[in-house]
Amino acid sequence: MPVQQLEKIFDDKLEKEIRIEPRDWMPDNYRKNLIRMIGQHAHSEIVGMLPEGEWITRAPSLRRKATLLAKVQDEAGHGLYLYAAAETMGISREEMNDQLLTGKAKYSSIFNYPTLTWADIGAIGWLVDGAAIMNQVPLCRTSYGPYARAMIRVCKEESFHQRQGFEILLTLCRGSKEQKEMAQDALNRWWWPSLMMFGPNDDNSPHTAQSMKWKIKRFTNDELRQKFVDICTDQAKVLGLTIPDPDLKWNEEKKQYDFGKINWDEFWNVVNGNGPCNKERIAARIKAHEDGKWVREAAEAYASKKKNVKAA
């Protein structure tokens, strides 16, 4: 079938909100864009386990340990769903993992910041997972079927993570003066990196326009960031905390909050590998990969032995 006719079928499906499936014809750039996007998402879930995993043994109670452990396990599962979705586009999990370990593939810059106190775990749940939900709920309607279906479960679980983080901070804010100060300090450090999670401003985002055209994304970076600011500003009032932005104010005409300028120099510095924990995060993933080599070899040997027995 001529390429022009295939393109028309593809465009008609997008127009009619019919999802693109793995065996369907798709433009090469559509495939490449999705592999980049899903891979970055999967890598972020896996690397995102590290800053919180450091607090499993240091959580203040057995209940907190159990819920944090469950959350970290959820993140591992999310990574698995997403790697599987990317594999339907023809890239192997081994190749994606290699891209992560060599620094070729990116992951969310937010996970290159340290978790200094227990309140940071609450801030990650409330802000980081909250920003993730804002990004990911529209992806349940993304044009690529396997990605959209994977996101349904991911979003359900992320909503629990967000509530868990908010509850941690609410408990601290209702505690002693020192505990509330710890919560405020965590908010001060995580607020701006959380706003950066939505990516560059629309004018400086090289992929947003095309992703919107292909219905991979349903909202632009700036639209999602604005929704996040509006929701979190009201939630901060419930906590009794102050958003660390002197320019934050209600715009009666637009019915939304105006907020200050983001330090994009910091964002690009972290993205390019110079954040507080960039080297530490990649080193941890490399060590985990090397430590797990014997497991992969044992699984391959068993599979080979089983195949030979069946053939015999």
Protein backbone atom coordinates (compact mmCIF):
# COMPACT_ATOMS: atom_id res chain seq x y z
CA MET A 1 0.00 0.00 0.00
CA PRO A 2 1.43 3.46 -0.88
CA VAL A 3 2.81 5.51 2.02
CA GLN A 4 0.37 8.36 1.33
CA GLN A 5 -2.56 6.01 1.74
CA LEU A 6 -1.09 4.57 4.95
CA GLU A 7 -0.63 8.10 6.30
CA LYS A 8 -4.26 8.90 5.52
CA ILE A 9 -5.45 5.78 7.39
CA PHE A 10 -3.23 6.76 10.33
CA ASP A 11 -4.51 10.36 10.35
CA ASP A 12 -8.13 9.19 10.08
CA LYS A 13 -7.70 6.98 13.15
CA LEU A 14 -6.31 9.90 15.14
CA GLU A 15 -9.17 12.12 13.99
CA LYS A 16 -11.75 9.50 15.03
CA GLU A 17 -10.01 8.84 18.37
CA ILE A 18 -9.21 5.26 17.34
CA ARG A 19 -6.09 4.09 19.14
CA ILE A 20 -2.98 3.08 17.26
CA GLU A 21 -1.99 -0.51 18.05
CA PRO A 22 1.42 -2.23 17.70
CA ARG A 23 0.64 -3.94 14.38
CA ASP A 24 -0.78 -0.79 12.82
CA TRP A 25 1.27 1.25 10.38
CA MET A 26 2.67 4.43 11.97
CA PRO A 27 5.13 7.14 10.89
CA ASP A 28 8.72 6.51 11.94
CA ASN A 29 8.84 9.77 13.88
CA TYR A 30 5.67 8.84 15.77
CA ARG A 31 7.35 5.59 16.82
CA LYS A 32 10.61 7.33 17.78
CA ASN A 33 8.80 10.02 19.75
CA LEU A 34 6.80 7.44 21.69
CA ILE A 35 9.85 5.27 22.42
CA ARG A 36 11.65 8.35 23.78
CA MET A 37 8.66 9.44 25.85
CA ILE A 38 7.72 6.01 27.25
CA GLY A 39 11.37 5.14 27.87
CA GLN A 40 11.94 8.38 29.80
CA HIS A 41 8.79 7.67 31.80
CA ALA A 42 9.90 4.11 32.60
CA HIS A 43 13.40 5.23 33.59
CA SER A 44 11.89 7.87 35.89
CA GLU A 45 9.83 5.22 37.71
CA ILE A 46 12.90 3.05 38.26
CA VAL A 47 15.30 5.82 39.27
CA GLY A 48 12.50 7.34 41.36
CA MET A 49 12.67 4.34 43.68
CA LEU A 50 16.11 5.44 44.92
CA PRO A 51 15.46 8.67 46.89
CA GLU A 52 12.52 7.07 48.74
CA GLY A 53 14.12 3.66 49.16
CA GLU A 54 16.76 5.31 51.34
CA TRP A 55 14.05 5.99 53.95
CA ILE A 56 12.41 2.57 54.22
CA THR A 57 14.54 1.52 57.20
CA ARG A 58 14.47 5.04 58.70
CA ALA A 59 10.72 5.63 58.54
CA PRO A 60 9.35 6.64 61.98
CA SER A 61 7.00 3.68 62.51
CA LEU A 62 6.25 0.18 61.28
CA ARG A 63 3.17 1.50 59.49
CA ARG A 64 5.22 4.12 57.68
CA LYS A 65 7.84 1.52 56.73
CA ALA A 66 5.20 -0.82 55.30
CA THR A 67 3.43 1.87 53.27
CA LEU A 68 6.68 3.30 51.93
CA LEU A 69 7.89 -0.17 50.97
CA ALA A 70 4.61 -0.79 49.16
CA LYS A 71 4.98 2.50 47.31
CA VAL A 72 8.52 1.72 46.14
CA GLN A 73 7.31 -1.67 44.94
CA ASP A 74 4.55 0.08 43.00
CA GLU A 75 7.13 2.24 41.24
CA ALA A 76 9.02 -0.88 40.15
CA GLY A 77 5.78 -2.27 38.75
CA HIS A 78 5.12 0.96 36.87
CA GLY A 79 8.53 0.72 35.27
CA LEU A 80 7.74 -2.86 34.20
CA TYR A 81 4.41 -1.87 32.59
CA LEU A 82 6.06 0.96 30.70
CA TYR A 83 9.07 -1.03 29.49
CA ALA A 84 6.61 -3.65 28.23
CA ALA A 85 4.60 -0.95 26.42
CA ALA A 86 7.76 0.39 24.78
CA GLU A 87 8.78 -3.10 23.69
CA THR A 88 5.63 -3.31 21.56
CA MET A 89 7.22 -0.63 19.38
CA GLY A 90 10.24 -2.77 18.54
CA ILE A 91 12.84 -1.69 21.07
CA SER A 92 14.18 -4.24 23.57
CA ARG A 93 14.27 -3.75 27.31
CA GLU A 94 18.01 -4.43 27.25
CA GLU A 95 18.54 -1.57 24.81
CA MET A 96 16.46 0.82 26.91
CA ASN A 97 18.34 -0.16 30.06
CA ASP A 98 21.66 0.35 28.29
CA GLN A 99 20.55 3.82 27.21
CA LEU A 100 19.78 4.68 30.83
CA LEU A 101 23.05 3.36 32.24
CA THR A 102 25.18 5.08 29.59
CA GLY A 103 23.39 8.41 30.00
CA LYS A 104 21.94 8.40 26.48
CA ALA A 105 18.37 8.32 27.78
CA LYS A 106 16.97 10.89 30.19
CA TYR A 107 14.73 10.56 33.24
CA SER A 108 12.88 13.17 35.28
CA SER A 109 15.25 15.75 36.74
CA ILE A 110 13.34 15.72 40.05
CA PHE A 111 14.97 12.46 41.14
CA ASN A 112 18.42 14.03 41.19
CA TYR A 113 17.64 15.92 44.40
CA PRO A 114 18.44 14.45 47.84
CA THR A 115 15.94 13.40 50.52
CA LEU A 116 17.32 15.06 53.63
CA THR A 117 14.50 14.49 56.14
CA TRP A 118 11.39 12.37 56.62
CA ALA A 119 9.31 15.36 55.52
CA ASP A 120 10.92 15.04 52.08
CA ILE A 121 9.09 11.73 51.64
CA GLY A 122 5.82 13.55 52.28
CA ALA A 123 6.79 16.32 49.86
CA ILE A 124 7.65 13.78 47.16
CA GLY A 125 4.29 12.08 47.58
CA TRP A 126 2.31 15.31 47.58
CA LEU A 127 4.24 17.32 44.98
CA VAL A 128 6.21 14.89 42.81
CA ASP A 129 3.50 12.26 42.58
CA GLY A 130 0.92 15.03 42.32
CA ALA A 131 2.76 16.46 39.32
CA ALA A 132 3.05 12.95 37.88
CA ILE A 133 -0.71 12.47 38.17
CA MET A 134 -1.31 15.80 36.46
CA ASN A 135 0.91 14.63 33.61
CA GLN A 136 -0.28 11.06 33.45
CA VAL A 137 -4.07 11.15 33.74
CA PRO A 138 -4.37 12.67 30.23
CA LEU A 139 -2.08 9.87 29.00
CA CYS A 140 -4.90 7.41 29.72
CA ARG A 141 -6.34 8.92 26.52
CA THR A 142 -3.09 8.97 24.55
CA SER A 143 -3.30 7.76 20.97
CA TYR A 144 -1.08 4.68 21.41
CA GLY A 145 -3.10 1.80 22.86
CA PRO A 146 -0.55 -0.10 25.01
CA TYR A 147 0.66 3.13 26.63
CA ALA A 148 -2.88 4.33 27.35
CA ARG A 149 -3.90 1.01 28.92
CA ALA A 150 -0.75 0.83 31.07
CA MET A 151 -1.45 4.32 32.40
CA ILE A 152 -4.86 3.39 33.82
CA ARG A 153 -3.36 1.24 36.56
CA VAL A 154 -0.36 3.53 37.03
CA CYS A 155 -2.62 6.53 37.69
CA LYS A 156 -4.79 4.64 40.17
CA GLU A 157 -1.73 3.70 42.21
CA GLU A 158 -0.14 7.15 41.92
CA SER A 159 -3.28 8.67 43.42
CA PHE A 160 -2.67 6.61 46.58
CA HIS A 161 0.95 7.77 46.63
CA GLN A 162 -0.11 11.41 46.43
CA ARG A 163 -2.57 11.01 49.30
CA GLN A 164 0.04 9.16 51.34
CA GLY A 165 2.49 12.05 50.94
CA PHE A 166 -0.12 14.66 51.81
CA GLU A 167 -1.08 12.70 54.93
CA ILE A 168 2.57 12.53 56.04
CA LEU A 169 2.88 16.31 55.76
CA LEU A 170 -0.50 16.90 57.41
CA THR A 171 0.60 14.78 60.38
CA LEU A 172 3.84 16.76 60.68
CA CYS A 173 2.03 20.09 60.39
CA ARG A 174 -0.31 19.09 63.22
CA GLY A 175 2.63 18.01 65.36
CA SER A 176 5.30 20.01 67.13
CA LYS A 177 6.72 23.35 66.01
CA GLU A 178 9.88 21.58 64.87
CA GLN A 179 7.89 19.07 62.80
CA LYS A 180 5.95 21.81 61.02
CA GLU A 181 9.19 23.66 60.31
CA MET A 182 10.60 20.46 58.82
CA ALA A 183 7.54 20.19 56.56
CA GLN A 184 7.94 23.82 55.46
CA ASP A 185 11.63 23.26 54.74
CA ALA A 186 10.79 20.26 52.55
CA LEU A 187 8.21 22.31 50.63
CA ASN A 188 10.77 25.10 50.15
CA ARG A 189 13.24 22.68 48.56
CA TRP A 190 10.85 20.61 46.43
CA TRP A 191 8.44 23.24 45.10
CA TRP A 192 10.46 24.63 42.20
CA PRO A 193 11.92 21.28 41.05
CA SER A 194 8.33 19.98 41.02
CA LEU A 195 7.27 22.77 38.66
CA MET A 196 10.19 21.84 36.42
CA MET A 197 8.80 18.29 36.11
CA PHE A 198 6.38 19.47 33.43
CA GLY A 199 9.28 20.26 31.13
CA PRO A 200 10.35 23.47 29.41
CA ASN A 201 7.94 26.27 28.61
CA ASP A 202 5.93 25.56 25.47
CA ASP A 203 8.03 27.99 23.40
CA ASN A 204 11.17 26.00 24.24
CA SER A 205 9.76 22.47 24.09
CA PRO A 206 10.89 20.73 20.88
CA HIS A 207 8.38 17.85 21.08
CA THR A 208 5.17 19.36 22.46
CA ALA A 209 3.59 20.67 19.24
CA GLN A 210 4.03 17.42 17.32
CA SER A 211 2.97 15.31 20.30
CA MET A 212 -0.23 17.35 20.54
CA LYS A 213 -0.87 16.91 16.81
CA TRP A 214 -0.45 13.13 17.14
CA LYS A 215 -2.64 13.17 20.26
CA ILE A 216 0.13 11.59 22.28
CA LYS A 217 -0.22 14.53 24.66
CA ARG A 218 -3.55 16.21 25.36
CA PHE A 219 -2.27 19.31 27.18
CA THR A 220 0.85 21.41 26.81
CA ASN A 221 3.56 21.68 29.48
CA ASP A 222 2.44 25.14 30.53
CA GLU A 223 -1.23 24.16 30.74
CA LEU A 224 -0.44 21.25 33.05
CA ARG A 225 1.93 23.35 35.15
CA GLN A 226 -0.76 25.97 35.67
CA LYS A 227 -3.28 23.37 36.82
CA PHE A 228 -0.72 21.99 39.25
CA VAL A 229 0.01 25.41 40.77
CA ASP A 230 -3.69 26.17 41.18
CA ILE A 231 -4.41 22.88 42.97
CA CYS A 232 -1.32 22.80 45.18
CA THR A 233 -1.70 26.41 46.30
CA ASP A 234 -5.11 25.62 47.78
CA GLN A 235 -3.83 22.35 49.28
CA ALA A 236 -0.96 24.21 50.96
CA LYS A 237 -3.52 26.34 52.77
CA VAL A 238 -5.04 23.18 54.27
CA LEU A 239 -1.59 22.15 55.49
CA GLY A 240 -0.90 25.61 56.84
CA LEU A 241 2.28 25.87 54.78
CA THR A 242 3.54 28.74 52.63
CA ILE A 243 4.41 28.24 48.96
CA PRO A 244 7.98 29.59 48.56
CA ASP A 245 7.09 32.05 45.81
CA PRO A 246 6.75 35.76 46.67
CA ASP A 247 5.18 36.40 43.25
CA LEU A 248 2.36 33.90 43.79
CA LYS A 249 -1.00 35.68 43.73
CA TRP A 250 -4.57 35.10 42.59
CA ASN A 251 -5.48 36.51 39.17
CA GLU A 252 -9.16 37.35 39.37
CA GLU A 253 -9.46 37.99 35.65
CA LYS A 254 -7.97 34.64 34.59
CA LYS A 255 -9.31 32.75 37.61
CA GLN A 256 -5.91 31.20 38.28
CA TYR A 257 -2.74 31.86 40.26
CA ASP A 258 0.10 33.86 38.77
CA PHE A 259 3.48 32.53 39.85
CA GLY A 260 7.13 33.51 39.64
CA LYS A 261 9.75 32.67 37.05
CA ILE A 262 11.32 29.21 37.06
CA ASN A 263 15.11 28.97 37.14
CA TRP A 264 15.56 27.18 33.82
CA ASP A 265 19.36 27.35 34.14
CA GLU A 266 19.05 25.02 37.13
CA PHE A 267 16.70 22.74 35.20
CA TRP A 268 19.04 22.30 32.24
CA ASN A 269 22.04 21.95 34.54
CA VAL A 270 20.36 19.00 36.28
CA VAL A 271 19.07 17.48 33.01
CA ASN A 272 22.60 17.61 31.60
CA GLY A 273 23.97 15.57 34.50
CA ASN A 274 25.13 18.19 36.97
CA GLY A 275 22.44 17.95 39.65
CA PRO A 276 23.11 17.18 43.33
CA CYS A 277 22.62 13.40 42.90
CA ASN A 278 22.96 12.67 39.16
CA LYS A 279 26.15 10.63 39.47
CA GLU A 280 24.89 8.90 42.61
CA ARG A 281 21.64 7.81 40.96
CA ILE A 282 23.32 6.36 37.85
CA ALA A 283 26.01 4.67 39.96
CA ALA A 284 23.29 2.98 42.01
CA ARG A 285 21.55 1.71 38.86
CA ILE A 286 24.82 0.43 37.39
CA LYS A 287 25.62 -1.41 40.63
CA ALA A 288 22.14 -2.95 40.72
CA HIS A 289 22.53 -4.08 37.11
CA GLU A 290 25.92 -5.65 37.79
CA ASP A 291 24.78 -7.29 41.04
CA GLY A 292 21.85 -8.84 39.19
CA LYS A 293 23.97 -10.34 36.42
CA TRP A 294 24.00 -13.80 38.02
CA VAL A 295 20.19 -13.81 38.17
CA ARG A 296 19.92 -13.04 34.46
CA GLU A 297 22.51 -15.68 33.61
CA ALA A 298 20.74 -18.28 35.76
CA ALA A 299 17.39 -17.49 34.12
CA GLU A 300 18.92 -17.78 30.64
CA ALA A 301 20.61 -21.09 31.53
CA TYR A 302 17.36 -22.51 32.88
CA ALA A 303 15.43 -21.38 29.80
CA SER A 304 18.04 -22.93 27.53
CA LYS A 305 18.01 -26.21 29.48
CA LYS A 306 14.21 -26.35 29.37
CA LYS A 307 14.24 -25.71 25.63
CA ASN A 308 16.80 -28.50 25.04
CA VAL A 309 14.80 -30.96 27.14
CA LYS A 310 11.66 -30.14 25.19
CA ALA A 311 13.48 -30.57 21.88
CA ALA A 312 14.92 -33.94 22.98
